[in-house]
Amino acid sequence: MNFLVNLLLRLVLLAVGLVFFASVAVAVAVLWLAWSLRMGWARLTGRPVSPFIMGIDPRKGFEMYRRAQQREAEPSRTPRADATRAHAPQGHPLQVTDVEPREPGR
């Protein structure tokens, strides 16, 4: 009985591995077909073939944070926002001072 369960488990794992391999192979084949059609159409119409690129530059990874710091350093168009920003402690969110809390149940 133990041998039968072991054999069945191995067959199931083999089938799962084969299905996974087949799905990866189909995905690669679809991408290759799409790239081939795109390249053929570009050559047929006389356009240059450009590669698929993701457009990620690792040197610009922290650019978003640098822009946010520059925005904080720039004065805003409203003097009230500048005054609130100047009195806020570093590392803490700005405190809202012009709102009065309501009593519960009202």
Protein backbone atom coordinates (compact mmCIF):
# COMPACT_ATOMS: atom_id res chain seq x y z
CA MET A 1 0.00 0.00 0.00
CA ASN A 2 2.82 2.38 0.87
CA PHE A 3 4.50 1.62 -2.46
CA LEU A 4 1.27 2.46 -4.32
CA VAL A 5 0.86 5.83 -2.56
CA ASN A 6 4.52 6.66 -3.22
CA LEU A 7 4.16 5.77 -6.91
CA LEU A 8 0.94 7.77 -7.22
CA LEU A 9 2.56 10.80 -5.57
CA ARG A 10 5.52 10.61 -7.94
CA LEU A 11 3.24 10.34 -10.97
CA VAL A 12 1.19 13.35 -9.82
CA LEU A 13 4.33 15.41 -9.25
CA LEU A 14 5.66 14.38 -12.66
CA ALA A 15 2.37 15.42 -14.29
CA VAL A 16 2.44 18.79 -12.49
CA GLY A 17 6.02 19.35 -13.66
CA LEU A 18 5.11 18.46 -17.24
CA VAL A 19 2.11 20.81 -17.20
CA PHE A 20 4.28 23.62 -15.83
CA PHE A 21 6.95 23.00 -18.48
CA ALA A 22 4.31 22.94 -21.22
CA SER A 23 2.78 26.22 -20.02
CA VAL A 24 6.18 27.94 -19.98
CA ALA A 25 6.94 26.56 -23.44
CA VAL A 26 3.62 27.86 -24.77
CA ALA A 27 4.25 31.30 -23.25
CA VAL A 28 7.70 31.46 -24.85
CA ALA A 29 6.26 30.33 -28.18
CA VAL A 30 3.55 33.02 -28.07
CA LEU A 31 6.13 35.72 -27.28
CA TRP A 32 8.40 34.47 -30.07
CA LEU A 33 5.46 34.48 -32.51
CA ALA A 34 4.46 38.02 -31.49
CA TRP A 35 8.05 39.24 -31.88
CA SER A 36 8.39 37.52 -35.27
CA LEU A 37 5.15 39.05 -36.56
CA ARG A 38 6.20 42.49 -35.30
CA MET A 39 9.65 42.17 -36.90
CA GLY A 40 8.17 40.92 -40.18
CA TRP A 41 5.64 43.76 -40.30
CA ALA A 42 8.36 46.31 -39.59
CA ARG A 43 10.54 44.95 -42.38
CA LEU A 44 7.57 44.79 -44.75
CA THR A 45 6.68 48.44 -44.11
CA GLY A 46 10.33 49.59 -44.11
CA ARG A 47 10.43 50.71 -40.49
CA PRO A 48 13.32 49.96 -38.16
CA VAL A 49 12.81 47.10 -35.73
CA SER A 50 13.09 48.33 -32.17
CA PRO A 51 13.57 45.87 -29.33
CA PHE A 52 11.18 45.36 -26.44
CA ILE A 53 12.58 47.43 -23.61
CA MET A 54 11.25 48.08 -20.14
CA GLY A 55 12.67 51.58 -19.84
CA ILE A 56 14.02 51.18 -16.33
CA ASP A 57 17.25 52.96 -15.57
CA PRO A 58 18.79 51.78 -12.30
CA ARG A 59 20.69 55.06 -11.97
CA LYS A 60 17.38 56.90 -11.67
CA GLY A 61 15.96 54.67 -8.96
CA PHE A 62 15.84 57.38 -6.32
CA GLU A 63 14.85 60.24 -8.62
CA MET A 64 11.31 60.29 -7.22
CA TYR A 65 12.62 60.88 -3.71
CA ARG A 66 15.00 63.62 -4.86
CA ARG A 67 12.14 65.42 -6.60
CA ALA A 68 10.00 65.18 -3.46
CA GLN A 69 12.79 66.70 -1.37
CA GLN A 70 13.24 69.51 -3.87
CA ARG A 71 9.50 70.19 -3.80
CA GLU A 72 9.58 70.44 -0.01
CA ALA A 73 12.51 72.85 -0.17
CA GLU A 74 10.77 75.14 -2.65
CA PRO A 75 8.49 77.84 -1.22
CA SER A 76 4.85 77.32 -1.98
CA ARG A 77 2.44 79.85 -3.43
CA THR A 78 0.57 80.29 -0.16
CA PRO A 79 2.24 81.88 2.87
CA ARG A 80 0.11 79.81 5.26
CA ALA A 81 1.49 76.56 3.88
CA ASP A 82 5.04 77.88 4.29
CA ALA A 83 4.36 78.86 7.90
CA THR A 84 2.87 75.44 8.68
CA ARG A 85 5.81 73.69 7.02
CA ALA A 86 8.35 75.80 8.94
CA HIS A 87 6.83 74.93 12.33
CA ALA A 88 6.46 71.19 11.67
CA PRO A 89 9.04 69.02 13.43
CA GLN A 90 11.36 67.09 11.16
CA GLY A 91 10.23 63.56 10.42
CA HIS A 92 6.66 64.12 11.63
CA PRO A 93 3.60 64.84 9.51
CA LEU A 94 2.27 68.36 9.48
CA GLN A 95 -0.22 69.22 12.20
CA VAL A 96 -3.59 70.58 11.08
CA THR A 97 -4.41 73.53 13.32
CA ASP A 98 -7.54 75.13 11.86
CA VAL A 99 -9.96 72.23 12.44
CA GLU A 100 -11.93 71.87 15.66
CA PRO A 101 -12.83 68.32 16.70
CA ARG A 102 -16.52 67.48 16.98
CA GLU A 103 -18.02 65.90 20.02
CA PRO A 104 -19.09 62.26 19.53
CA GLY A 105 -22.79 61.82 18.84
CA ARG A 106 -23.32 65.14 17.12
